[in-house]
Structure formats: structure tokens, C-alpha cells
């Protein structure tokens, strides 16, 4: 997975090819202790840089909104707007509960075949692999990793997520929810 996704991962902003849409994978804005989540901050800053460098025209922020008290897509949109990305250039995907859901919904709900995935490298490896396996022309732009010493469950969760990914792909699992089509750049952003 790491080797096969490598040709489509970028760290240098100047080398990132243009895609109309950037897909920002969700995470919460704060840690369980209420501090700013460096994964969130890194993804938002990377997405804003892509937009400002005209590497993407629109951003699709995809995350969990399973409770009235937890709304990753809206938090991402607010953070992007604070960095100067216009509201009408940001689309929210409220059913990106898992990476598979976010990637597949980008095509099935939002009509995108080609897009740039924005997350940290370990996550982009998995997301781009899923996308390419599903026939999508996705690339990844790697957001910075958290500072050295940041304690997170992510490093423990990722090996399990990769095993789950293999099962999902072998069993041809689909997103939990699909829904009515929304066309980025045509339908008003929500």
C-alpha cells in the first residue's frame, strides 16, 4: 500500500498538479483534553495553501457529524474561512465517517472522479490506495505531522485501519450513507 501510493503523494506545494477539488479528510478540531488538535490544524493549513496557490478551486470537507455536539465538516469550514477561503468554495460532506466513506462519496455523491486528498502522509497513503483501487484518479497532498512527542492514539489505530481497509476492499464495502447528488461548483455550497 505504501509503495503503490507513493507516486501520487506530494509534500512540495509547487509540485502538486491542479485538480478542481481538494478533499480534506476529517478529524476533530481539539484533543480530548480540549487543546488544538495538530492533525486538524495541519490539514486545514495545507488545504488553505492549496487553495491560495490555485492548485484547487473548491474544497470538500468530509467528516463525522453523527451527533449534534460533534460536527467535523462545519469546524473545518469555519477554520478554512478564517484562513481566507471563501464560504462558497467550501462544500461539506456530513457522512464521511470513515476514510472509505469520504473517498467513495466524493465520486458517488459529489460527482468527482479526480481530486486531491489532503491529510497527513500515513493517512493519505491509505486514502489514495482506496481511491485508486476504486478507479478514482486521486492524488494526495501531505499535511505536516504533529510535533515530535505529541501523544495520540493515531499511531496505534493506523495498523488496525489498514487491516480494515483490506477487508473493506476485498468485500467491496460501500459507504454507510450515500444520498442525493450534490455537484460542486453547480449546486450552492451548504
Protein backbone atom coordinates (compact mmCIF):
# COMPACT_ATOMS: atom_id res chain seq x y z
CA UNK A 1 0.00 0.00 0.00
CA UNK A 2 2.72 2.50 0.92
CA UNK A 3 4.78 1.69 -2.16
CA UNK A 4 1.87 1.73 -4.61
CA UNK A 5 0.50 5.07 -3.33
CA UNK A 6 3.90 6.82 -3.27
CA UNK A 7 3.86 8.13 -6.90
CA UNK A 8 0.66 10.05 -6.14
CA UNK A 9 1.71 11.69 -2.87
CA UNK A 10 3.12 15.22 -2.71
CA UNK A 11 4.74 17.23 0.04
CA UNK A 12 6.09 20.12 -2.04
CA UNK A 13 3.25 22.52 -2.88
CA UNK A 14 4.91 23.64 -6.11
CA UNK A 15 4.89 20.07 -7.47
CA UNK A 16 1.20 19.35 -6.76
CA UNK A 17 -0.77 19.06 -10.01
CA UNK A 18 -4.00 21.03 -10.35
CA UNK A 19 -7.29 19.32 -9.53
CA UNK A 20 -10.61 21.17 -9.41
CA UNK A 21 -11.46 19.75 -5.95
CA UNK A 22 -9.47 19.06 -2.80
CA UNK A 23 -10.92 16.51 -0.36
CA UNK A 24 -9.99 17.34 3.24
CA UNK A 25 -10.30 14.26 5.46
CA UNK A 26 -11.93 14.87 8.80
CA UNK A 27 -10.64 14.95 12.32
CA UNK A 28 -11.76 16.88 15.36
CA UNK A 29 -10.50 20.40 15.97
CA UNK A 30 -9.49 19.66 19.57
CA UNK A 31 -7.94 16.81 21.52
CA UNK A 32 -9.80 15.03 24.32
CA UNK A 33 -8.09 17.49 26.70
CA UNK A 34 -9.54 20.46 24.78
CA UNK A 35 -6.25 21.57 23.21
CA UNK A 36 -5.96 22.34 19.47
CA UNK A 37 -5.54 19.10 17.51
CA UNK A 38 -2.34 19.35 15.44
CA UNK A 39 -3.74 16.89 12.87
CA UNK A 40 -6.69 19.23 12.28
CA UNK A 41 -4.51 22.36 12.20
CA UNK A 42 -2.09 20.75 9.73
CA UNK A 43 -4.85 19.63 7.36
CA UNK A 44 -6.61 22.98 7.42
CA UNK A 45 -3.42 24.92 6.79
CA UNK A 46 -2.44 22.55 3.96
CA UNK A 47 -5.89 22.87 2.36
CA UNK A 48 -5.80 26.67 2.58
CA UNK A 49 -2.32 26.71 1.00
CA UNK A 50 -3.55 24.52 -1.88
CA UNK A 51 -6.49 26.82 -2.48
CA UNK A 52 -4.41 30.01 -2.27
CA UNK A 53 -1.81 28.55 -4.66
CA UNK A 54 -4.65 27.81 -7.14
CA UNK A 55 -3.95 24.08 -7.02
CA UNK A 56 -7.67 23.52 -6.31
CA UNK A 57 -10.78 25.63 -6.93
CA UNK A 58 -13.03 24.03 -4.31
CA UNK A 59 -12.58 22.19 -1.02
CA UNK A 60 -14.79 19.30 0.06
CA UNK A 61 -14.50 18.88 3.83
CA UNK A 62 -15.60 15.40 4.81
CA UNK A 63 -16.04 14.16 8.35
CA UNK A 64 -18.19 12.89 11.15
CA UNK A 65 -21.41 14.69 12.10
CA UNK A 66 -23.12 11.84 13.92
CA UNK A 67 -24.12 13.90 16.94
CA UNK A 68 -25.49 17.41 17.47
CA UNK A 69 -22.40 18.06 19.62
CA UNK A 70 -19.78 16.90 17.11
CA UNK A 71 -19.52 18.37 13.62
CA UNK A 72 -16.13 17.97 11.90
CA UNK A 73 -17.22 19.39 8.49
CA UNK A 74 -18.54 22.64 9.97
CA UNK A 75 -15.47 23.06 12.17
CA UNK A 76 -13.26 22.56 9.10
CA UNK A 77 -15.27 25.06 7.06
CA UNK A 78 -15.05 27.69 9.81
CA UNK A 79 -11.29 27.19 10.14
CA UNK A 80 -10.79 27.44 6.37
CA UNK A 81 -12.87 30.62 6.21
CA UNK A 82 -10.71 32.09 9.00
CA UNK A 83 -7.72 31.48 6.68
CA UNK A 84 -9.37 33.34 3.80
CA UNK A 85 -11.07 30.56 1.81
CA UNK A 86 -14.46 31.89 0.64
CA UNK A 87 -17.51 30.11 2.04
CA UNK A 88 -18.90 29.39 -1.46
CA UNK A 89 -15.72 27.45 -2.30
CA UNK A 90 -16.20 25.01 0.59
CA UNK A 91 -18.61 22.05 0.43
CA UNK A 92 -19.41 19.91 3.45
CA UNK A 93 -19.80 16.15 3.45
CA UNK A 94 -21.52 15.26 6.71
CA UNK A 95 -21.29 11.48 6.21
CA UNK A 96 -17.52 10.99 5.99
CA UNK A 97 -17.49 8.67 8.99
CA UNK A 98 -14.53 6.67 7.68
CA UNK A 99 -11.86 7.24 5.04
CA UNK A 100 -13.63 4.80 2.70
CA UNK A 101 -16.86 6.77 3.06
CA UNK A 102 -15.18 10.11 2.31
CA UNK A 103 -13.34 8.83 -0.76
CA UNK A 104 -16.24 6.92 -2.31
CA UNK A 105 -18.77 9.68 -1.54
CA UNK A 106 -16.54 12.19 -3.35
CA UNK A 107 -17.47 10.32 -6.52
CA UNK A 108 -20.91 8.87 -5.77
CA UNK A 109 -22.47 11.94 -4.13
CA UNK A 110 -20.30 14.85 -5.25
CA UNK A 111 -19.56 13.60 -8.78
CA UNK A 112 -15.76 13.89 -8.65
CA UNK A 113 -13.54 11.38 -10.46
CA UNK A 114 -10.27 13.33 -9.97
CA UNK A 115 -9.35 15.13 -6.76
CA UNK A 116 -6.54 15.91 -4.33
CA UNK A 117 -6.80 14.32 -0.88
CA UNK A 118 -5.47 16.42 2.00
CA UNK A 119 -4.29 14.72 5.18
CA UNK A 120 -1.07 13.55 6.83
CA UNK A 121 1.12 11.16 4.82
CA UNK A 122 0.19 7.96 6.71
CA UNK A 123 -3.50 8.74 6.11
CA UNK A 124 -3.00 9.81 2.50
CA UNK A 125 -1.28 6.51 1.75
CA UNK A 126 -4.42 4.66 2.75
CA UNK A 127 -6.88 7.14 1.20
CA UNK A 128 -5.09 7.28 -2.16
CA UNK A 129 -4.81 3.49 -2.20
CA UNK A 130 -8.57 3.18 -1.63
CA UNK A 131 -9.30 5.76 -4.32
CA UNK A 132 -7.01 4.15 -6.90
CA UNK A 133 -8.37 0.69 -6.09
CA UNK A 134 -11.87 2.07 -6.72
CA UNK A 135 -10.82 3.55 -10.08
CA UNK A 136 -10.53 7.18 -8.99
CA UNK A 137 -7.73 9.47 -10.15
CA UNK A 138 -6.79 10.77 -6.72
CA UNK A 139 -3.54 12.26 -5.53
CA UNK A 140 -2.57 13.25 -2.00
CA UNK A 141 -1.09 16.42 -0.57
CA UNK A 142 0.63 15.63 2.72
CA UNK A 143 -0.12 17.95 5.61
CA UNK A 144 2.60 18.30 8.24
CA UNK A 145 2.74 15.73 11.02
CA UNK A 146 2.17 16.81 14.63
CA UNK A 147 5.22 17.93 16.59
CA UNK A 148 7.55 15.23 17.87
CA UNK A 149 6.30 13.89 21.17
CA UNK A 150 2.62 14.62 20.52
CA UNK A 151 0.81 11.73 22.14
CA UNK A 152 -2.01 10.39 20.01
CA UNK A 153 -3.91 7.17 19.56
CA UNK A 154 -3.43 7.57 15.80
CA UNK A 155 -0.19 5.59 15.66
CA UNK A 156 -1.95 2.69 17.38
CA UNK A 157 -5.13 2.96 15.31
CA UNK A 158 -3.49 3.16 11.88
CA UNK A 159 -2.33 -0.50 11.65
CA UNK A 160 -5.88 -1.59 12.52
CA UNK A 161 -7.31 0.87 9.99
CA UNK A 162 -5.11 -0.67 7.30
CA UNK A 163 -6.33 -4.17 8.09
CA UNK A 164 -9.91 -2.87 7.98
CA UNK A 165 -9.16 -1.22 4.62
CA UNK A 166 -8.07 -4.53 3.11
CA UNK A 167 -11.25 -6.22 4.34
CA UNK A 168 -13.39 -3.34 3.04
CA UNK A 169 -11.82 -3.56 -0.40
CA UNK A 170 -11.97 -7.35 -0.62
CA UNK A 171 -15.61 -7.36 0.48
CA UNK A 172 -16.46 -4.35 -1.73
CA UNK A 173 -17.95 -2.44 1.20
CA UNK A 174 -19.80 0.76 0.43
CA UNK A 175 -20.26 3.95 2.45
CA UNK A 176 -22.78 3.85 5.27
CA UNK A 177 -24.83 6.59 3.56
CA UNK A 178 -25.00 7.93 0.05
CA UNK A 179 -27.79 10.41 -0.62
CA UNK A 180 -28.86 12.89 -3.26
CA UNK A 181 -26.20 14.12 -5.68
CA UNK A 182 -24.53 17.45 -4.98
CA UNK A 183 -22.45 18.97 -7.77
CA UNK A 184 -19.50 21.03 -6.60
CA UNK A 185 -19.45 24.41 -8.29
CA UNK A 186 -23.01 23.97 -9.58
CA UNK A 187 -25.17 23.36 -6.52
CA UNK A 188 -24.85 26.08 -3.87
CA UNK A 189 -22.45 25.16 -1.09
CA UNK A 190 -24.17 24.22 2.11
